Amino acid sequence: DLEYARNMARRNIDVFLQAKVDRIVVASAGCSATMKEYPELLAGDPEYSSKAESFSRMTVDITEFLAGLPLEQPTGTVSRRVTYQDPCHLAHAQGITSQPRTILASIPGVELVEMEQSSMCCGGAGYYSLVQREMAEKVLGTKMGNISATGAEQVVTANPGCMVQLEQGLRAMGDRSKVVHVVDLLDEAYRAEEAG
């Protein structure tokens, strides 16, 4: 429903531009990818096309934002072997792959084990897993095999949709591990630092 999407985009643009913020930091790769595409969505709109350009330039994924800061490395240790799932909306739509890994590398005790085809879709793809269940389960099955092969204790990603899909895959395999966002792991390290 492109017209509904355009109306929502206009509303978001109005709210954030009126707030006079410098940056719009988004913790959902699917959302940041869409928000960066507002100029395309509103290209023919004489009132909003230039506003959409400004809005898009202000929008950053949280991993992109944090990796671009002089981030104080946590001193709290998170002793854990993890693997990272590149969300499609982050890796393919935004070209952001090194920044989440930079953040993970800054966390003392974290051992990142790369999985095969880390940027291959997990099968979530927004609501794809609901409307194309059989195909989504096949894609997820491949992803679960790649995750298992790493021997990681935890899966880390940067998109809530991927988190839900991956947790469903882990539960189907009898694994009760919690999938976490990159920023959750960083927060855990800072909290360990405060507690220590």
Protein backbone atom coordinates (compact mmCIF):
# COMPACT_ATOMS: atom_id res chain seq x y z
CA ASP A 1 0.00 0.00 0.00
CA LEU A 2 2.28 2.73 -1.30
CA GLU A 3 -0.06 5.61 -0.50
CA TYR A 4 -0.34 4.52 3.12
CA ALA A 5 3.46 4.18 3.25
CA ARG A 6 3.88 7.68 1.79
CA ASN A 7 1.48 9.15 4.36
CA MET A 8 3.38 7.46 7.20
CA ALA A 9 6.69 8.69 5.77
CA ARG A 10 5.37 12.26 5.60
CA ARG A 11 4.21 12.01 9.20
CA ASN A 12 7.61 10.70 10.37
CA ILE A 13 9.41 13.43 8.43
CA ASP A 14 7.24 16.13 9.99
CA VAL A 15 7.73 14.84 13.53
CA PHE A 16 11.50 14.47 13.33
CA LEU A 17 12.17 17.68 11.40
CA GLN A 18 10.02 19.65 13.86
CA ALA A 19 12.02 18.13 16.71
CA LYS A 20 15.17 19.67 15.13
CA VAL A 21 17.32 16.63 15.86
CA ASP A 22 20.75 16.17 14.31
CA ARG A 23 20.50 12.39 13.96
CA ILE A 24 17.78 9.78 13.93
CA VAL A 25 19.36 6.67 15.42
CA VAL A 26 17.42 3.49 14.67
CA ALA A 27 17.92 0.10 16.37
CA SER A 28 15.96 -1.89 13.76
CA ALA A 29 17.79 -2.55 10.48
CA GLY A 30 14.49 -2.96 8.62
CA CYS A 31 13.27 0.43 9.83
CA SER A 32 16.52 2.32 9.17
CA ALA A 33 16.68 0.85 5.66
CA THR A 34 13.13 1.99 4.91
CA MET A 35 13.65 5.42 6.45
CA LYS A 36 16.78 5.94 4.33
CA GLU A 37 14.66 5.11 1.26
CA TYR A 38 12.10 7.90 1.87
CA PRO A 39 13.59 10.03 -0.96
CA GLU A 40 12.75 7.21 -3.37
CA LEU A 41 9.27 6.77 -1.90
CA LEU A 42 8.51 10.51 -2.07
CA ALA A 43 10.45 11.38 -5.24
CA GLY A 44 7.39 12.80 -7.02
CA ASP A 45 6.10 14.79 -4.06
CA PRO A 46 6.80 18.54 -4.57
CA GLU A 47 6.35 19.32 -0.86
CA TYR A 48 8.24 16.37 0.63
CA SER A 49 10.94 15.27 -1.80
CA SER A 50 13.62 17.64 -0.45
CA LYS A 51 12.48 17.05 3.15
CA ALA A 52 12.82 13.31 2.51
CA GLU A 53 16.42 13.86 1.34
CA SER A 54 17.27 15.72 4.57
CA PHE A 55 15.51 13.10 6.66
CA SER A 56 17.39 10.28 4.94
CA ARG A 57 20.78 11.94 5.53
CA MET A 58 19.92 12.27 9.24
CA THR A 59 18.98 8.61 9.62
CA VAL A 60 21.60 6.13 10.83
CA ASP A 61 21.46 2.58 12.05
CA ILE A 62 22.56 2.33 15.68
CA THR A 63 25.58 0.15 14.80
CA GLU A 64 26.63 2.68 12.16
CA PHE A 65 26.22 5.49 14.70
CA LEU A 66 28.11 3.79 17.53
CA ALA A 67 30.97 2.60 15.33
CA GLY A 68 31.38 6.19 14.09
CA LEU A 69 31.80 7.57 17.63
CA PRO A 70 34.91 7.70 19.72
CA LEU A 71 33.20 4.97 21.74
CA GLU A 72 34.66 4.25 25.16
CA GLN A 73 35.47 0.56 25.14
CA PRO A 74 33.80 -1.26 28.02
CA THR A 75 36.07 -2.82 30.62
CA GLY A 76 33.43 -5.30 31.81
CA THR A 77 33.97 -8.79 30.42
CA VAL A 78 31.37 -10.88 28.62
CA SER A 79 33.02 -14.27 28.30
CA ARG A 80 31.05 -15.75 25.44
CA ARG A 81 31.54 -17.38 22.06
CA VAL A 82 29.08 -15.69 19.67
CA THR A 83 28.19 -15.73 15.99
CA TYR A 84 26.75 -12.78 14.11
CA GLN A 85 23.79 -12.90 11.70
CA ASP A 86 23.89 -10.03 9.18
CA PRO A 87 20.32 -8.76 8.75
CA CYS A 88 19.47 -8.41 5.05
CA HIS A 89 18.22 -4.87 5.62
CA LEU A 90 21.55 -3.93 7.16
CA ALA A 91 24.03 -5.79 4.96
CA HIS A 92 22.30 -5.63 1.58
CA ALA A 93 20.06 -2.56 1.77
CA GLN A 94 22.48 -0.33 3.71
CA GLY A 95 25.88 -1.90 3.08
CA ILE A 96 26.61 -2.04 6.82
CA THR A 97 28.62 -5.14 7.74
CA SER A 98 31.83 -4.08 9.46
CA GLN A 99 30.30 -1.75 12.07
CA PRO A 100 28.46 -4.42 14.10
CA ARG A 101 31.63 -6.51 14.10
CA THR A 102 33.67 -3.51 15.24
CA ILE A 103 31.32 -3.12 18.21
CA LEU A 104 31.52 -6.84 19.03
CA ALA A 105 35.33 -6.71 18.81
CA SER A 106 35.35 -3.90 21.39
CA ILE A 107 33.72 -6.11 24.05
CA PRO A 108 36.28 -7.84 26.27
CA GLY A 109 35.82 -11.61 26.38
CA VAL A 110 33.60 -11.89 23.31
CA GLU A 111 34.87 -14.41 20.78
CA LEU A 112 33.21 -13.85 17.41
CA VAL A 113 32.99 -16.98 15.26
CA GLU A 114 31.88 -16.16 11.74
CA MET A 115 29.19 -18.40 10.29
CA GLU A 116 28.94 -19.51 6.68
CA GLN A 117 26.63 -17.28 4.66
CA SER A 118 26.14 -14.83 7.53
CA SER A 119 24.39 -12.35 5.24
CA MET A 120 22.01 -14.93 3.78
CA CYS A 121 18.41 -14.27 4.85
CA CYS A 122 17.18 -16.03 7.99
CA GLY A 123 13.71 -16.41 6.47
CA GLY A 124 12.03 -13.74 8.60
CA ALA A 125 12.00 -11.00 5.95
CA GLY A 126 9.38 -8.85 7.62
CA TYR A 127 6.14 -10.80 7.48
CA TYR A 128 7.44 -13.22 4.82
CA SER A 129 7.65 -16.00 7.40
CA LEU A 130 3.89 -15.67 7.91
CA VAL A 131 2.80 -15.58 4.26
CA GLN A 132 5.40 -18.01 2.86
CA ARG A 133 5.83 -20.30 5.84
CA GLU A 134 7.20 -23.33 3.97
CA MET A 135 9.91 -21.38 2.14
CA ALA A 136 10.75 -19.36 5.27
CA GLU A 137 11.25 -22.59 7.23
CA LYS A 138 13.60 -23.97 4.54
CA VAL A 139 15.66 -20.79 4.61
CA LEU A 140 15.69 -20.84 8.41
CA GLY A 141 16.76 -24.50 8.40
CA THR A 142 19.84 -23.63 6.34
CA LYS A 143 20.61 -20.75 8.68
CA MET A 144 20.26 -22.98 11.76
CA GLY A 145 22.73 -25.45 10.25
CA ASN A 146 25.22 -22.64 9.69
CA ILE A 147 24.74 -21.40 13.26
CA SER A 148 25.20 -24.89 14.73
CA ALA A 149 28.42 -25.37 12.79
CA THR A 150 30.01 -22.41 14.59
CA GLY A 151 29.68 -23.94 18.06
CA ALA A 152 28.65 -20.48 19.30
CA GLU A 153 26.90 -20.09 22.64
CA GLN A 154 24.82 -17.17 21.43
CA VAL A 155 23.55 -15.60 18.22
CA VAL A 156 23.84 -11.84 17.82
CA THR A 157 22.10 -9.76 15.16
CA ALA A 158 20.90 -6.18 14.61
CA ASN A 159 17.24 -6.46 13.66
CA PRO A 160 14.25 -7.41 15.84
CA GLY A 161 12.61 -9.42 13.04
CA CYS A 162 15.73 -11.54 12.68
CA MET A 163 15.87 -11.97 16.45
CA VAL A 164 12.35 -13.42 16.54
CA GLN A 165 12.97 -15.71 13.55
CA LEU A 166 16.30 -16.99 14.87
CA GLU A 167 14.89 -17.65 18.34
CA GLN A 168 12.09 -19.71 16.76
CA GLY A 169 14.72 -21.71 14.89
CA LEU A 170 16.76 -22.29 18.03
CA ARG A 171 13.69 -23.40 20.00
CA ALA A 172 12.73 -25.84 17.25
CA MET A 173 16.21 -27.37 17.71
CA GLY A 174 15.70 -27.57 21.49
CA ASP A 175 18.11 -24.71 22.17
CA ARG A 176 16.84 -22.16 24.70
CA SER A 177 19.56 -19.57 23.97
CA LYS A 178 18.39 -15.99 23.73
CA VAL A 179 19.25 -14.15 20.52
CA VAL A 180 20.48 -10.65 21.32
CA HIS A 181 20.95 -7.37 19.50
CA VAL A 182 24.55 -6.15 19.14
CA VAL A 183 23.70 -3.22 21.42
CA ASP A 184 22.34 -5.58 24.10
CA LEU A 185 25.71 -7.31 24.28
CA LEU A 186 27.50 -3.96 24.48
CA ASP A 187 25.12 -2.92 27.27
CA GLU A 188 25.84 -6.18 29.11
CA ALA A 189 29.56 -5.33 29.05
CA TYR A 190 28.98 -1.82 30.41
CA ARG A 191 26.74 -3.23 33.15
CA ALA A 192 29.41 -5.81 34.07
CA GLU A 193 31.86 -2.94 34.32
CA GLU A 194 29.57 -1.05 36.72
CA ALA A 195 28.95 -4.16 38.82
CA GLY A 196 32.63 -5.08 38.96
